[in-house]
Protein backbone atom coordinates (compact mmCIF):
# COMPACT_ATOMS: atom_id res chain seq x y z
CA UNK A 1 30.55 55.80 13.41
CA UNK A 2 29.81 53.30 15.58
CA UNK A 3 30.96 49.55 15.27
CA UNK A 4 29.64 46.84 17.56
CA UNK A 5 32.45 44.69 19.72
CA UNK A 6 31.19 40.88 20.24
CA UNK A 7 32.04 39.20 22.71
CA UNK A 8 33.39 35.71 23.25
CA UNK A 9 30.20 34.79 23.98
CA UNK A 10 28.32 36.83 21.10
CA UNK A 11 30.77 35.22 18.74
CA UNK A 12 30.35 31.82 19.52
CA UNK A 13 26.28 32.61 19.73
CA UNK A 14 26.53 33.52 16.07
CA UNK A 15 29.08 31.74 14.24
CA UNK A 16 29.00 28.20 16.87
CA UNK A 17 25.22 27.92 17.11
CA UNK A 18 24.33 27.49 13.29
CA UNK A 19 26.96 25.76 12.25
CA UNK A 20 26.05 23.26 14.50
CA UNK A 21 23.10 23.23 13.50
CA UNK A 22 24.03 22.92 10.08
CA UNK A 23 26.84 20.24 10.99
CA UNK A 24 23.82 17.68 12.66
CA UNK A 25 21.30 18.37 9.92
CA UNK A 26 24.06 16.81 7.67
CA UNK A 27 24.65 14.00 10.22
CA UNK A 28 20.72 13.09 10.21
CA UNK A 29 20.71 13.37 5.44
CA UNK A 30 23.84 11.01 5.61
CA UNK A 31 22.44 8.33 8.27
CA UNK A 32 19.13 8.92 6.33
CA UNK A 33 20.74 8.09 3.10
CA UNK A 34 22.66 5.15 5.05
CA UNK A 35 19.51 3.83 6.02
CA UNK A 36 17.44 4.04 2.82
CA UNK A 37 20.34 2.31 1.01
CA UNK A 38 20.14 -0.74 3.83
CA UNK A 39 16.44 -1.05 3.43
CA UNK A 40 16.73 -1.93 -0.17
CA UNK A 41 13.76 -4.18 -0.62
CA UNK A 42 14.59 -7.44 -3.13
CA UNK A 43 11.71 -8.54 -5.74
CA UNK A 44 10.98 -12.28 -5.20
CA UNK A 45 11.32 -14.79 -7.97
CA UNK A 46 8.96 -17.33 -5.56
CA UNK A 47 5.05 -17.54 -7.33
CA UNK A 48 2.74 -15.40 -5.41
CA UNK A 49 0.09 -17.33 -3.33
CA UNK A 50 -3.51 -16.02 -4.67
CA UNK A 51 -6.76 -16.90 -4.67
CA UNK A 52 -7.12 -20.20 -7.37
CA UNK A 53 -10.73 -18.69 -9.39
CA UNK A 54 -12.76 -19.59 -12.03
CA UNK A 55 -14.33 -16.77 -14.79
CA UNK A 56 -17.56 -17.01 -15.25
CA UNK A 57 -19.60 -15.48 -17.45
CA UNK A 58 -23.06 -13.65 -16.39
CA UNK A 59 -26.23 -14.66 -18.19
CA UNK A 60 -29.38 -12.72 -17.88
CA UNK A 61 -31.51 -13.49 -14.84
CA UNK A 62 -27.63 -14.39 -12.89
CA UNK A 63 -27.22 -13.06 -9.28
CA UNK A 64 -24.16 -12.35 -6.88
CA UNK A 65 -26.42 -14.85 -4.55
CA UNK A 66 -26.98 -17.49 -7.62
CA UNK A 67 -23.50 -17.35 -8.49
CA UNK A 68 -21.92 -17.91 -5.41
CA UNK A 69 -24.39 -21.15 -4.73
CA UNK A 70 -23.46 -22.80 -7.76
CA UNK A 71 -20.09 -22.19 -7.01
CA UNK A 72 -17.94 -24.63 -6.97
CA UNK A 73 -16.81 -24.03 -2.53
CA UNK A 74 -17.34 -25.30 0.61
CA UNK A 75 -17.96 -22.04 1.89
CA UNK A 76 -20.93 -20.33 3.58
CA UNK A 77 -22.74 -18.26 0.64
CA UNK A 78 -22.45 -14.90 2.06
CA UNK A 79 -19.08 -15.36 2.58
CA UNK A 80 -18.62 -16.28 -0.94
CA UNK A 81 -20.57 -13.30 -2.14
CA UNK A 82 -18.44 -10.90 0.33
CA UNK A 83 -15.08 -12.76 -1.49
CA UNK A 84 -16.72 -12.14 -5.52
CA UNK A 85 -17.01 -8.99 -4.54
CA UNK A 86 -13.85 -8.08 -3.26
CA UNK A 87 -12.07 -9.89 -6.03
CA UNK A 88 -13.92 -8.25 -8.84
CA UNK A 89 -13.75 -5.31 -6.82
CA UNK A 90 -17.54 -4.72 -7.02
CA UNK A 91 -19.44 -1.83 -5.77
CA UNK A 92 -22.89 -3.48 -5.48
CA UNK A 93 -24.63 -6.47 -6.15
CA UNK A 94 -25.90 -5.77 -9.27
CA UNK A 95 -24.15 -7.74 -12.47
CA UNK A 96 -24.98 -6.92 -15.96
CA UNK A 97 -25.17 -10.16 -18.50
CA UNK A 98 -21.97 -10.87 -20.54
CA UNK A 99 -19.89 -9.69 -17.31
CA UNK A 100 -17.15 -11.73 -16.55
CA UNK A 101 -16.36 -11.86 -12.93
CA UNK A 102 -14.12 -14.34 -11.27
CA UNK A 103 -15.45 -17.17 -8.66
CA UNK A 104 -13.04 -18.46 -5.61
CA UNK A 105 -12.91 -22.57 -5.56
CA UNK A 106 -11.80 -24.66 -2.87
C-alpha cells in the first residue's frame, strides 16, 4: 500500500490554514458580540414630541379640501391636505361619512 508523506509545507497548508481561518472567524464573532453589547439602545422616559391634532368626524359632503380649509391652521391648504393624508395613512382623498380623522392644528 502506498502512503503519502507530507512535507512541512504540506502539513502547514493542510492543518495550519484551516486553524488560522477558524481562529479569525471566532475573533470576528467575539468582536461582533462585544460591539452588539456596547451599542444597546436604551428607551428614554422623555415625552415624545408629536403633532398636535384634533379629531374630526367626516359628515356627508365633506372633502379633504373642505376639512383642510376649515382647520385652525396657518398652513397652505394643499400642504395641510398632504399632512392630513400622511397623519391618517390615507391612500386617496376620498373620505367616508362617519370616518374619524386627525387634523393638525397650530
